[in-house]
C-alpha atoms as a PDB file:
ATOM      1  CA  VAL A   1      26.891  16.259 -22.597  1.00  0.00           C
ATOM      2  CA  VAL A   2      30.212  16.414 -20.734  1.00  0.00           C
ATOM      3  CA  ALA A   3      31.726  13.859 -23.114  1.00  0.00           C
ATOM      4  CA  HIS A   4      30.863  16.198 -26.004  1.00  0.00           C
ATOM      5  CA  TRP A   5      32.208  19.369 -24.365  1.00  0.00           C
ATOM      6  CA  GLY A   6      35.820  18.324 -24.132  1.00  0.00           C
ATOM      7  CA  GLY A   7      37.898  21.237 -22.956  1.00  0.00           C
ATOM      8  CA  VAL A   8      39.155  21.815 -19.482  1.00  0.00           C
ATOM      9  CA  ALA A   9      37.395  20.609 -16.364  1.00  0.00           C
ATOM     10  CA  ARG A  10      38.669  19.642 -12.959  1.00  0.00           C
ATOM     11  CA  GLY A  11      36.370  16.666 -12.643  1.00  0.00           C
ATOM     12  CA  ALA A  12      32.906  15.317 -13.418  1.00  0.00           C
ATOM     13  CA  LEU A  13      30.304  13.351 -11.505  1.00  0.00           C
ATOM     14  CA  LEU A  14      28.146  11.772 -14.216  1.00  0.00           C
ATOM     15  CA  VAL A  15      24.933  10.400 -12.747  1.00  0.00           C
ATOM     16  CA  SER A  16      22.642   8.186 -14.830  1.00  0.00           C
ATOM     17  CA  PRO A  17      24.132   9.027 -18.228  1.00  0.00           C
ATOM     18  CA  ALA A  18      21.616   8.194 -20.949  1.00  0.00           C
ATOM     19  CA  ASP A  19      22.704   5.821 -23.701  1.00  0.00           C
ATOM     20  CA  VAL A  20      21.897   8.157 -26.597  1.00  0.00           C
ATOM     21  CA  ASP A  21      23.192   5.568 -29.071  1.00  0.00           C
ATOM     22  CA  ASP A  22      20.401   3.152 -28.088  1.00  0.00           C
ATOM     23  CA  GLU A  23      17.294   4.644 -29.684  1.00  0.00           C
ATOM     24  CA  ALA A  24      15.059   2.127 -27.885  1.00  0.00           C
ATOM     25  CA  ARG A  25      16.166   3.556 -24.525  1.00  0.00           C
ATOM     26  CA  THR A  26      16.220   7.290 -25.121  1.00  0.00           C
ATOM     27  CA  PRO A  27      13.745   9.888 -26.445  1.00  0.00           C
ATOM     28  CA  PRO A  28      14.153  11.501 -29.887  1.00  0.00           C
ATOM     29  CA  ASP A  29      15.301  14.831 -28.432  1.00  0.00           C
ATOM     30  CA  THR A  30      18.550  13.172 -27.307  1.00  0.00           C
ATOM     31  CA  ARG A  31      19.565  12.199 -30.859  1.00  0.00           C
ATOM     32  CA  SER A  32      21.576  15.403 -31.313  1.00  0.00           C
ATOM     33  CA  PHE A  33      24.089  13.927 -28.847  1.00  0.00           C
ATOM     34  CA  GLN A  34      24.798  10.910 -31.089  1.00  0.00           C
ATOM     35  CA  PRO A  35      27.281   9.392 -31.346  1.00  0.00           C
ATOM     36  CA  MET A  36      28.372   9.241 -27.733  1.00  0.00           C
ATOM     37  CA  PRO A  37      32.087  10.055 -27.577  1.00  0.00           C
ATOM     38  CA  MET A  38      33.946   7.063 -26.173  1.00  0.00           C
ATOM     39  CA  LYS A  39      37.368   8.523 -25.433  1.00  0.00           C
ATOM     40  CA  PRO A  40      39.130   9.578 -22.225  1.00  0.00           C
ATOM     41  CA  LEU A  41      37.800  12.778 -20.680  1.00  0.00           C
ATOM     42  CA  GLY A  42      41.235  13.867 -19.490  1.00  0.00           C
ATOM     43  CA  TYR A  43      40.204  14.650 -15.910  1.00  0.00           C
ATOM     44  CA  PRO A  44      38.945  12.685 -12.898  1.00  0.00           C
ATOM     45  CA  ALA A  45      35.399  11.441 -13.288  1.00  0.00           C
ATOM     46  CA  ILE A  46      32.943   9.036 -11.719  1.00  0.00           C
ATOM     47  CA  VAL A  47      29.976   7.479 -13.506  1.00  0.00           C
ATOM     48  CA  VAL A  48      27.080   6.539 -11.225  1.00  0.00           C
ATOM     49  CA  ALA A  49      24.374   4.268 -12.609  1.00  0.00           C
ATOM     50  CA  SER A  50      21.807   1.829 -11.334  1.00  0.00           C
ATOM     51  CA  THR A  51      21.097  -1.740 -12.321  1.00  0.00           C
ATOM     52  CA  ASN A  52      17.602  -0.909 -13.566  1.00  0.00           C
ATOM     53  CA  ASP A  53      17.816   2.506 -15.264  1.00  0.00           C
ATOM     54  CA  GLU A  54      15.390   2.761 -18.182  1.00  0.00           C
ATOM     55  CA  PHE A  55      17.818   4.988 -20.144  1.00  0.00           C
ATOM     56  CA  VAL A  56      21.046   2.956 -19.834  1.00  0.00           C
ATOM     57  CA  THR A  57      22.011  -0.597 -18.934  1.00  0.00           C
ATOM     58  CA  GLU A  58      24.561  -1.048 -16.184  1.00  0.00           C
ATOM     59  CA  GLU A  59      26.811  -2.801 -18.718  1.00  0.00           C
ATOM     60  CA  ARG A  60      26.717   0.204 -21.067  1.00  0.00           C
ATOM     61  CA  ALA A  61      27.297   2.654 -18.186  1.00  0.00           C
ATOM     62  CA  ARG A  62      30.340   0.619 -17.156  1.00  0.00           C
ATOM     63  CA  ALA A  63      31.598   0.710 -20.777  1.00  0.00           C
ATOM     64  CA  MET A  64      31.172   4.497 -20.827  1.00  0.00           C
ATOM     65  CA  ALA A  65      33.113   4.812 -17.582  1.00  0.00           C
ATOM     66  CA  GLU A  66      35.911   2.641 -18.913  1.00  0.00           C
ATOM     67  CA  ALA A  67      36.116   4.552 -22.215  1.00  0.00           C
ATOM     68  CA  TRP A  68      36.111   7.905 -20.405  1.00  0.00           C
ATOM     69  CA  GLY A  69      38.792   6.806 -17.927  1.00  0.00           C
ATOM     70  CA  ALA A  70      36.273   7.222 -15.115  1.00  0.00           C
ATOM     71  CA  ARG A  71      35.567   5.190 -12.013  1.00  0.00           C
ATOM     72  CA  PHE A  72      32.220   3.408 -11.866  1.00  0.00           C
ATOM     73  CA  HIS A  73      29.888   3.461  -8.875  1.00  0.00           C
ATOM     74  CA  SER A  74      26.832   1.191  -8.840  1.00  0.00           C
ATOM     75  CA  ALA A  75      23.757   2.742  -7.251  1.00  0.00           C
ATOM     76  CA  GLY A  76      22.090  -0.654  -7.046  1.00  0.00           C
ATOM     77  CA  SER A  77      18.426  -0.897  -7.988  1.00  0.00           C
ATOM     78  CA  SER A  78      17.656   2.834  -8.026  1.00  0.00           C
ATOM     79  CA  GLY A  79      16.016   3.345 -11.420  1.00  0.00           C
ATOM     80  CA  HIS A  80      16.867   6.532 -13.298  1.00  0.00           C
ATOM     81  CA  ILE A  81      18.473   8.820 -10.739  1.00  0.00           C
ATOM     82  CA  ASN A  82      16.880  12.274 -10.923  1.00  0.00           C
ATOM     83  CA  LEU A  83      14.301  14.368  -9.097  1.00  0.00           C
ATOM     84  CA  ASP A  84      11.490  13.453 -11.505  1.00  0.00           C
ATOM     85  CA  SER A  85      11.794   9.795 -10.495  1.00  0.00           C
ATOM     86  CA  GLY A  86      11.420  10.608  -6.811  1.00  0.00           C
ATOM     87  CA  HIS A  87      15.035  10.929  -5.721  1.00  0.00           C
ATOM     88  CA  GLY A  88      15.705  13.629  -3.175  1.00  0.00           C
ATOM     89  CA  PRO A  89      18.612  14.202  -0.802  1.00  0.00           C
ATOM     90  CA  TRP A  90      21.288  11.632  -1.578  1.00  0.00           C
ATOM     91  CA  PRO A  91      23.939  11.141   1.117  1.00  0.00           C
ATOM     92  CA  THR A  92      25.665   8.389  -0.887  1.00  0.00           C
ATOM     93  CA  GLY A  93      25.968  10.733  -3.862  1.00  0.00           C
ATOM     94  CA  GLU A  94      27.429  13.422  -1.631  1.00  0.00           C
ATOM     95  CA  SER A  95      30.018  10.937  -0.409  1.00  0.00           C
ATOM     96  CA  VAL A  96      30.899   9.876  -3.973  1.00  0.00           C
ATOM     97  CA  PHE A  97      31.208  13.548  -4.934  1.00  0.00           C
ATOM     98  CA  ALA A  98      33.449  14.265  -1.932  1.00  0.00           C
ATOM     99  CA  GLY A  99      35.799  11.496  -3.062  1.00  0.00           C
ATOM    100  CA  LEU A 100      35.892  12.914  -6.583  1.00  0.00           C
ATOM    101  CA  ARG A 101      36.432  16.426  -5.293  1.00  0.00           C
ATOM    102  CA  SER A 102      39.427  15.337  -3.248  1.00  0.00           C
ATOM    103  CA  ARG A 103      41.000  13.843  -6.402  1.00  0.00           C
ATOM    104  CA  ALA A 104      40.112  16.758  -8.673  1.00  0.00           C
ATOM    105  CA  LEU A 105      41.369  19.665  -6.558  1.00  0.00           C
END
Protein backbone atom coordinates (compact mmCIF):
# COMPACT_ATOMS: atom_id res chain seq x y z
CA VAL A 1 0.00 0.00 0.00
CA VAL A 2 2.78 2.45 0.90
CA ALA A 3 4.41 1.92 -2.49
CA HIS A 4 1.14 3.02 -4.12
CA TRP A 5 0.61 6.08 -1.92
CA GLY A 6 3.68 8.00 -2.97
CA GLY A 7 3.58 11.45 -1.46
CA VAL A 8 5.45 12.60 1.57
CA ALA A 9 6.41 10.35 4.45
CA ARG A 10 9.27 10.47 6.89
CA GLY A 11 9.88 6.75 6.77
CA ALA A 12 8.24 3.34 6.50
CA LEU A 13 8.67 0.01 8.24
CA LEU A 14 7.21 -2.52 5.80
CA VAL A 15 6.68 -5.87 7.49
CA SER A 16 5.80 -8.96 5.45
CA PRO A 17 4.78 -7.14 2.26
CA ALA A 18 2.60 -9.42 0.15
CA ASP A 19 3.69 -10.12 -3.41
CA VAL A 20 0.46 -8.99 -5.06
CA ASP A 21 1.94 -9.69 -8.50
CA ASP A 22 2.15 -13.42 -7.70
CA GLU A 23 -1.45 -14.60 -7.87
CA ALA A 24 -0.48 -18.03 -6.51
CA ARG A 25 0.68 -16.40 -3.26
CA THR A 26 -1.96 -13.79 -2.57
CA PRO A 27 -5.78 -13.77 -2.28
CA PRO A 28 -8.00 -12.22 -4.98
CA ASP A 29 -8.84 -9.18 -2.84
CA THR A 30 -5.23 -7.98 -3.19
CA ARG A 31 -5.43 -7.74 -7.00
CA SER A 32 -6.43 -4.07 -6.85
CA PHE A 33 -2.85 -3.35 -5.74
CA GLN A 34 -1.37 -4.79 -8.96
CA PRO A 35 1.09 -3.99 -10.33
CA MET A 36 3.38 -3.46 -7.38
CA PRO A 37 5.27 -0.20 -7.90
CA MET A 38 8.98 -0.95 -8.10
CA LYS A 39 10.51 2.52 -7.81
CA PRO A 40 12.27 4.38 -4.99
CA LEU A 41 9.98 5.51 -2.18
CA GLY A 42 11.94 8.71 -1.61
CA TYR A 43 12.27 8.33 2.16
CA PRO A 44 14.00 5.93 4.57
CA ALA A 45 12.41 2.51 4.70
CA ILE A 46 13.07 -0.99 5.94
CA VAL A 47 11.46 -4.14 4.55
CA VAL A 48 11.19 -7.00 7.05
CA ALA A 49 10.38 -10.46 5.72
CA SER A 50 10.87 -14.06 6.72
CA THR A 51 12.34 -16.96 4.81
CA ASN A 52 9.06 -18.89 4.85
CA ASP A 53 6.27 -16.33 4.38
CA GLU A 54 3.35 -17.80 2.43
CA PHE A 55 2.62 -14.42 0.78
CA VAL A 56 6.12 -13.46 -0.43
CA THR A 57 9.42 -15.21 -1.04
CA GLU A 58 12.48 -13.78 0.66
CA GLU A 59 13.99 -13.22 -2.80
CA ARG A 60 11.00 -11.13 -3.91
CA ALA A 61 10.96 -9.17 -0.62
CA ARG A 62 14.65 -8.38 -1.14
CA ALA A 63 13.88 -7.23 -4.71
CA MET A 64 11.12 -4.96 -3.39
CA ALA A 65 13.49 -3.48 -0.83
CA GLU A 66 16.13 -2.85 -3.47
CA ALA A 67 13.64 -1.25 -5.89
CA TRP A 68 12.20 0.95 -3.13
CA GLY A 69 15.65 2.04 -1.92
CA ALA A 70 14.95 0.36 1.41
CA ARG A 71 17.12 -1.68 3.73
CA PHE A 72 16.22 -5.35 4.12
CA HIS A 73 15.95 -7.15 7.45
CA SER A 74 15.51 -10.93 7.50
CA ALA A 75 13.21 -12.20 10.24
CA GLY A 76 14.45 -15.74 9.71
CA SER A 77 11.90 -18.54 9.71
CA SER A 78 8.96 -16.56 11.11
CA GLY A 79 6.18 -17.25 8.61
CA HIS A 80 3.86 -14.37 7.75
CA ILE A 81 4.45 -11.76 10.43
CA ASN A 82 1.11 -10.56 11.82
CA LEU A 83 -1.13 -11.10 14.82
CA ASP A 84 -3.32 -13.67 13.04
CA SER A 85 -0.32 -15.99 12.67
CA GLY A 86 0.44 -15.87 16.38
CA HIS A 87 2.98 -13.06 16.56
CA GLY A 88 2.70 -10.85 19.60
CA PRO A 89 5.16 -8.45 21.21
CA TRP A 90 8.20 -8.20 18.97
CA PRO A 91 11.33 -6.72 20.59
CA THR A 92 13.38 -7.25 17.41
CA GLY A 93 10.81 -5.29 15.41
CA GLU A 94 10.91 -2.50 17.96
CA SER A 95 14.68 -2.35 17.59
CA VAL A 96 14.45 -2.27 13.78
CA PHE A 97 11.85 0.50 14.05
CA ALA A 98 14.05 2.49 16.45
CA GLY A 99 16.88 2.37 13.90
CA LEU A 100 14.55 3.57 11.15
CA ARG A 101 13.13 6.30 13.35
CA SER A 102 16.59 7.65 14.09
CA ARG A 103 17.25 7.93 10.33
CA ALA A 104 13.84 9.37 9.46
CA LEU A 105 13.62 12.17 12.03
